[in-house]
Amino acid sequence: MQAATLYSEVCMALMRIGTRMATGFDQHFAQAGLTQAQFRLLLAAWSEGGAEGASPSHLADYLLIERATVSVLSQNLVKRGWLSRHPGSDRRSYKLAVTAAGGRVLQNAVPTALALAEQTLEGLTPKQLQSVLQTLQLIEGRMRTLKEEREADK
């Protein structure tokens, strides 16, 4: 198989898997009034920001999404009392931190996320899972490098 065809097939497979996983998470989180994108933002704010919070730019970089997407997602989470805004290093910046209510939402959502992950990956051996993880980390690293290169060209 030619490299271009292989690149295309791998990318299509990743897009199909990503879309299906996002849809499955959305369906399971719907009863809590949460989307998978909101769940990922809450989880990132908790893991990356702790009690102090994290800047929207940092969260966007961590999640590989646009800063504007973090703003849109966080608006609803702030309104619901699951995230709070704290002053940043200057007057124009702020940090997002998970509130106690947001922590309870995460506490309730994490078991569902873990169960879905287990259902999705069941049947793969630990060695296969480690290989998939290493490959995905390489892909993520490449995506980060490409993003940095595009930003440097602006």
C-alpha atoms as a PDB file:
ATOM      1  CA  MET A   1       0.000   0.000   0.000  1.00  0.00           C
ATOM      2  CA  GLN A   2       1.316   3.459  -0.878  1.00  0.00           C
ATOM      3  CA  ALA A   3       2.131   5.857   1.947  1.00  0.00           C
ATOM      4  CA  ALA A   4      -0.473   8.435   0.827  1.00  0.00           C
ATOM      5  CA  THR A   5      -3.203   5.793   0.837  1.00  0.00           C
ATOM      6  CA  LEU A   6      -2.103   4.500   4.216  1.00  0.00           C
ATOM      7  CA  TYR A   7      -2.064   8.044   5.680  1.00  0.00           C
ATOM      8  CA  SER A   8      -5.568   8.588   4.327  1.00  0.00           C
ATOM      9  CA  GLU A   9      -6.920   5.307   5.691  1.00  0.00           C
ATOM     10  CA  VAL A  10      -5.444   5.869   9.154  1.00  0.00           C
ATOM     11  CA  CYS A  11      -6.812   9.432   9.304  1.00  0.00           C
ATOM     12  CA  MET A  12     -10.269   8.288   8.188  1.00  0.00           C
ATOM     13  CA  ALA A  13     -10.246   5.525  10.810  1.00  0.00           C
ATOM     14  CA  LEU A  14      -9.266   8.028  13.533  1.00  0.00           C
ATOM     15  CA  MET A  15     -12.048  10.403  12.444  1.00  0.00           C
ATOM     16  CA  ARG A  16     -14.638   7.609  12.414  1.00  0.00           C
ATOM     17  CA  ILE A  17     -13.558   6.381  15.838  1.00  0.00           C
ATOM     18  CA  GLY A  18     -13.453   9.913  17.272  1.00  0.00           C
ATOM     19  CA  THR A  19     -16.910  10.738  15.949  1.00  0.00           C
ATOM     20  CA  ARG A  20     -18.414   7.498  17.251  1.00  0.00           C
ATOM     21  CA  MET A  21     -16.791   7.888  20.661  1.00  0.00           C
ATOM     22  CA  ALA A  22     -17.953  11.517  20.966  1.00  0.00           C
ATOM     23  CA  THR A  23     -21.495  10.504  20.013  1.00  0.00           C
ATOM     24  CA  GLY A  24     -21.501   7.644  22.514  1.00  0.00           C
ATOM     25  CA  PHE A  25     -20.275   9.885  25.310  1.00  0.00           C
ATOM     26  CA  ASP A  26     -22.831  12.563  24.394  1.00  0.00           C
ATOM     27  CA  GLN A  27     -25.615   9.982  24.601  1.00  0.00           C
ATOM     28  CA  HIS A  28     -24.499   8.689  27.999  1.00  0.00           C
ATOM     29  CA  PHE A  29     -23.856  12.142  29.476  1.00  0.00           C
ATOM     30  CA  ALA A  30     -27.152  13.614  28.194  1.00  0.00           C
ATOM     31  CA  GLN A  31     -29.037  12.571  31.342  1.00  0.00           C
ATOM     32  CA  ALA A  32     -26.672  14.764  33.365  1.00  0.00           C
ATOM     33  CA  GLY A  33     -27.137  17.662  30.942  1.00  0.00           C
ATOM     34  CA  LEU A  34     -23.504  17.390  29.904  1.00  0.00           C
ATOM     35  CA  THR A  35     -21.794  16.932  26.543  1.00  0.00           C
ATOM     36  CA  GLN A  36     -18.536  15.082  26.045  1.00  0.00           C
ATOM     37  CA  ALA A  37     -16.892  18.407  25.101  1.00  0.00           C
ATOM     38  CA  GLN A  38     -18.053  19.977  28.369  1.00  0.00           C
ATOM     39  CA  PHE A  39     -16.904  16.888  30.273  1.00  0.00           C
ATOM     40  CA  ARG A  40     -13.448  17.131  28.688  1.00  0.00           C
ATOM     41  CA  LEU A  41     -13.228  20.834  29.586  1.00  0.00           C
ATOM     42  CA  LEU A  42     -14.292  20.194  33.200  1.00  0.00           C
ATOM     43  CA  LEU A  43     -11.821  17.348  33.500  1.00  0.00           C
ATOM     44  CA  ALA A  44      -9.020  19.434  31.953  1.00  0.00           C
ATOM     45  CA  ALA A  45      -9.763  22.403  34.228  1.00  0.00           C
ATOM     46  CA  TRP A  46      -9.609  20.072  37.224  1.00  0.00           C
ATOM     47  CA  SER A  47      -6.463  18.206  36.170  1.00  0.00           C
ATOM     48  CA  GLU A  48      -4.567  21.178  34.736  1.00  0.00           C
ATOM     49  CA  GLY A  49      -5.722  23.956  37.036  1.00  0.00           C
ATOM     50  CA  GLY A  50      -6.433  22.483  40.424  1.00  0.00           C
ATOM     51  CA  ALA A  51      -7.852  24.956  42.950  1.00  0.00           C
ATOM     52  CA  GLU A  52      -6.164  27.916  41.230  1.00  0.00           C
ATOM     53  CA  GLY A  53      -7.652  27.243  37.817  1.00  0.00           C
ATOM     54  CA  ALA A  54      -6.113  27.323  34.360  1.00  0.00           C
ATOM     55  CA  SER A  55      -6.216  29.925  31.640  1.00  0.00           C
ATOM     56  CA  PRO A  56      -8.505  29.313  28.674  1.00  0.00           C
ATOM     57  CA  SER A  57      -5.439  29.402  26.400  1.00  0.00           C
ATOM     58  CA  HIS A  58      -3.728  26.683  28.405  1.00  0.00           C
ATOM     59  CA  LEU A  59      -6.887  24.556  28.382  1.00  0.00           C
ATOM     60  CA  ALA A  60      -7.270  25.036  24.631  1.00  0.00           C
ATOM     61  CA  ASP A  61      -3.683  23.950  24.065  1.00  0.00           C
ATOM     62  CA  TYR A  62      -4.052  20.968  26.370  1.00  0.00           C
ATOM     63  CA  LEU A  63      -7.278  19.821  24.665  1.00  0.00           C
ATOM     64  CA  LEU A  64      -6.045  20.596  21.124  1.00  0.00           C
ATOM     65  CA  ILE A  65      -8.976  22.936  20.476  1.00  0.00           C
ATOM     66  CA  GLU A  66      -9.282  26.630  19.696  1.00  0.00           C
ATOM     67  CA  ARG A  67      -9.317  29.245  22.448  1.00  0.00           C
ATOM     68  CA  ALA A  68     -12.710  30.446  21.188  1.00  0.00           C
ATOM     69  CA  THR A  69     -14.107  26.943  21.659  1.00  0.00           C
ATOM     70  CA  VAL A  70     -13.046  27.001  25.309  1.00  0.00           C
ATOM     71  CA  SER A  71     -14.857  30.337  25.697  1.00  0.00           C
ATOM     72  CA  VAL A  72     -18.067  28.976  24.193  1.00  0.00           C
ATOM     73  CA  LEU A  73     -17.959  25.743  26.220  1.00  0.00           C
ATOM     74  CA  SER A  74     -17.085  27.486  29.470  1.00  0.00           C
ATOM     75  CA  GLN A  75     -19.925  30.041  29.256  1.00  0.00           C
ATOM     76  CA  ASN A  76     -22.539  27.376  29.901  1.00  0.00           C
ATOM     77  CA  LEU A  77     -20.464  25.693  32.596  1.00  0.00           C
ATOM     78  CA  VAL A  78     -19.988  29.015  34.416  1.00  0.00           C
ATOM     79  CA  LYS A  79     -23.733  29.749  34.181  1.00  0.00           C
ATOM     80  CA  ARG A  80     -24.490  26.347  35.688  1.00  0.00           C
ATOM     81  CA  GLY A  81     -22.044  26.941  38.523  1.00  0.00           C
ATOM     82  CA  TRP A  82     -19.703  24.117  37.503  1.00  0.00           C
ATOM     83  CA  LEU A  83     -16.802  26.395  36.589  1.00  0.00           C
ATOM     84  CA  SER A  84     -15.826  29.743  38.061  1.00  0.00           C
ATOM     85  CA  ARG A  85     -13.722  32.549  36.640  1.00  0.00           C
ATOM     86  CA  HIS A  86     -10.814  33.868  38.710  1.00  0.00           C
ATOM     87  CA  PRO A  87      -8.654  36.892  37.898  1.00  0.00           C
ATOM     88  CA  GLY A  88      -5.550  36.102  35.896  1.00  0.00           C
ATOM     89  CA  SER A  89      -2.159  37.753  35.836  1.00  0.00           C
ATOM     90  CA  ASP A  90      -3.531  40.982  34.326  1.00  0.00           C
ATOM     91  CA  ARG A  91      -6.873  42.788  34.011  1.00  0.00           C
ATOM     92  CA  ARG A  92      -7.792  41.115  30.729  1.00  0.00           C
ATOM     93  CA  SER A  93      -7.009  37.516  31.655  1.00  0.00           C
ATOM     94  CA  TYR A  94      -8.770  34.996  33.821  1.00  0.00           C
ATOM     95  CA  LYS A  95      -8.531  31.404  34.930  1.00  0.00           C
ATOM     96  CA  LEU A  96     -11.216  28.744  34.963  1.00  0.00           C
ATOM     97  CA  ALA A  97     -11.553  26.562  38.043  1.00  0.00           C
ATOM     98  CA  VAL A  98     -13.907  23.705  38.825  1.00  0.00           C
ATOM     99  CA  THR A  99     -16.383  24.582  41.584  1.00  0.00           C
ATOM    100  CA  ALA A 100     -17.631  22.187  44.257  1.00  0.00           C
ATOM    101  CA  ALA A 101     -20.761  21.613  42.146  1.00  0.00           C
ATOM    102  CA  GLY A 102     -18.582  20.961  39.093  1.00  0.00           C
ATOM    103  CA  GLY A 103     -16.554  18.509  41.155  1.00  0.00           C
ATOM    104  CA  ARG A 104     -19.724  16.603  41.978  1.00  0.00           C
ATOM    105  CA  VAL A 105     -20.650  16.527  38.271  1.00  0.00           C
ATOM    106  CA  LEU A 106     -17.223  15.090  37.481  1.00  0.00           C
ATOM    107  CA  GLN A 107     -17.517  12.590  40.334  1.00  0.00           C
ATOM    108  CA  ASN A 108     -20.784  11.356  38.845  1.00  0.00           C
ATOM    109  CA  ALA A 109     -19.587  11.409  35.223  1.00  0.00           C
ATOM    110  CA  VAL A 110     -16.176   9.732  35.613  1.00  0.00           C
ATOM    111  CA  PRO A 111     -17.566   6.232  36.333  1.00  0.00           C
ATOM    112  CA  THR A 112     -19.661   6.487  33.152  1.00  0.00           C
ATOM    113  CA  ALA A 113     -16.610   7.602  31.174  1.00  0.00           C
ATOM    114  CA  LEU A 114     -14.515   4.753  32.559  1.00  0.00           C
ATOM    115  CA  ALA A 115     -17.243   2.216  31.785  1.00  0.00           C
ATOM    116  CA  LEU A 116     -17.500   3.501  28.216  1.00  0.00           C
ATOM    117  CA  ALA A 117     -13.724   3.336  27.828  1.00  0.00           C
ATOM    118  CA  GLU A 118     -13.728  -0.236  29.102  1.00  0.00           C
ATOM    119  CA  GLN A 119     -16.582  -1.229  26.757  1.00  0.00           C
ATOM    120  CA  THR A 120     -14.803   0.366  23.814  1.00  0.00           C
ATOM    121  CA  LEU A 121     -11.394  -1.171  24.454  1.00  0.00           C
ATOM    122  CA  GLU A 122     -12.412  -4.510  25.947  1.00  0.00           C
ATOM    123  CA  GLY A 123     -10.711  -7.411  24.222  1.00  0.00           C
ATOM    124  CA  LEU A 124      -7.418  -5.631  23.644  1.00  0.00           C
ATOM    125  CA  THR A 125      -4.506  -6.995  25.621  1.00  0.00           C
ATOM    126  CA  PRO A 126      -2.508  -4.713  27.917  1.00  0.00           C
ATOM    127  CA  LYS A 127       0.336  -4.880  25.359  1.00  0.00           C
ATOM    128  CA  GLN A 128      -2.019  -3.796  22.556  1.00  0.00           C
ATOM    129  CA  LEU A 129      -3.444  -0.993  24.688  1.00  0.00           C
ATOM    130  CA  GLN A 130       0.071   0.241  25.475  1.00  0.00           C
ATOM    131  CA  SER A 131       0.933   0.168  21.779  1.00  0.00           C
ATOM    132  CA  VAL A 132      -2.214   2.110  20.859  1.00  0.00           C
ATOM    133  CA  LEU A 133      -1.474   4.675  23.569  1.00  0.00           C
ATOM    134  CA  GLN A 134       2.108   5.139  22.389  1.00  0.00           C
ATOM    135  CA  THR A 135       0.965   5.553  18.791  1.00  0.00           C
ATOM    136  CA  LEU A 136      -1.719   8.082  19.756  1.00  0.00           C
ATOM    137  CA  GLN A 137       0.854  10.024  21.787  1.00  0.00           C
ATOM    138  CA  LEU A 138       3.108  10.182  18.729  1.00  0.00           C
ATOM    139  CA  ILE A 139       0.210  11.436  16.607  1.00  0.00           C
ATOM    140  CA  GLU A 140      -0.701  14.031  19.233  1.00  0.00           C
ATOM    141  CA  GLY A 141       2.917  15.189  19.380  1.00  0.00           C
ATOM    142  CA  ARG A 142       2.955  15.599  15.602  1.00  0.00           C
ATOM    143  CA  MET A 143      -0.302  17.580  15.717  1.00  0.00           C
ATOM    144  CA  ARG A 144       1.157  19.880  18.380  1.00  0.00           C
ATOM    145  CA  THR A 145       4.291  20.434  16.296  1.00  0.00           C
ATOM    146  CA  LEU A 146       2.212  21.269  13.213  1.00  0.00           C
ATOM    147  CA  LYS A 147       0.095  23.692  15.238  1.00  0.00           C
ATOM    148  CA  GLU A 148       3.188  25.452  16.569  1.00  0.00           C
ATOM    149  CA  GLU A 149       4.631  25.697  13.053  1.00  0.00           C
ATOM    150  CA  ARG A 150       1.403  27.214  11.695  1.00  0.00           C
ATOM    151  CA  GLU A 151       1.301  29.735  14.541  1.00  0.00           C
ATOM    152  CA  ALA A 152       4.938  30.673  13.943  1.00  0.00           C
ATOM    153  CA  ASP A 153       4.175  31.310  10.256  1.00  0.00           C
ATOM    154  CA  LYS A 154       1.424  33.837  11.101  1.00  0.00           C
END
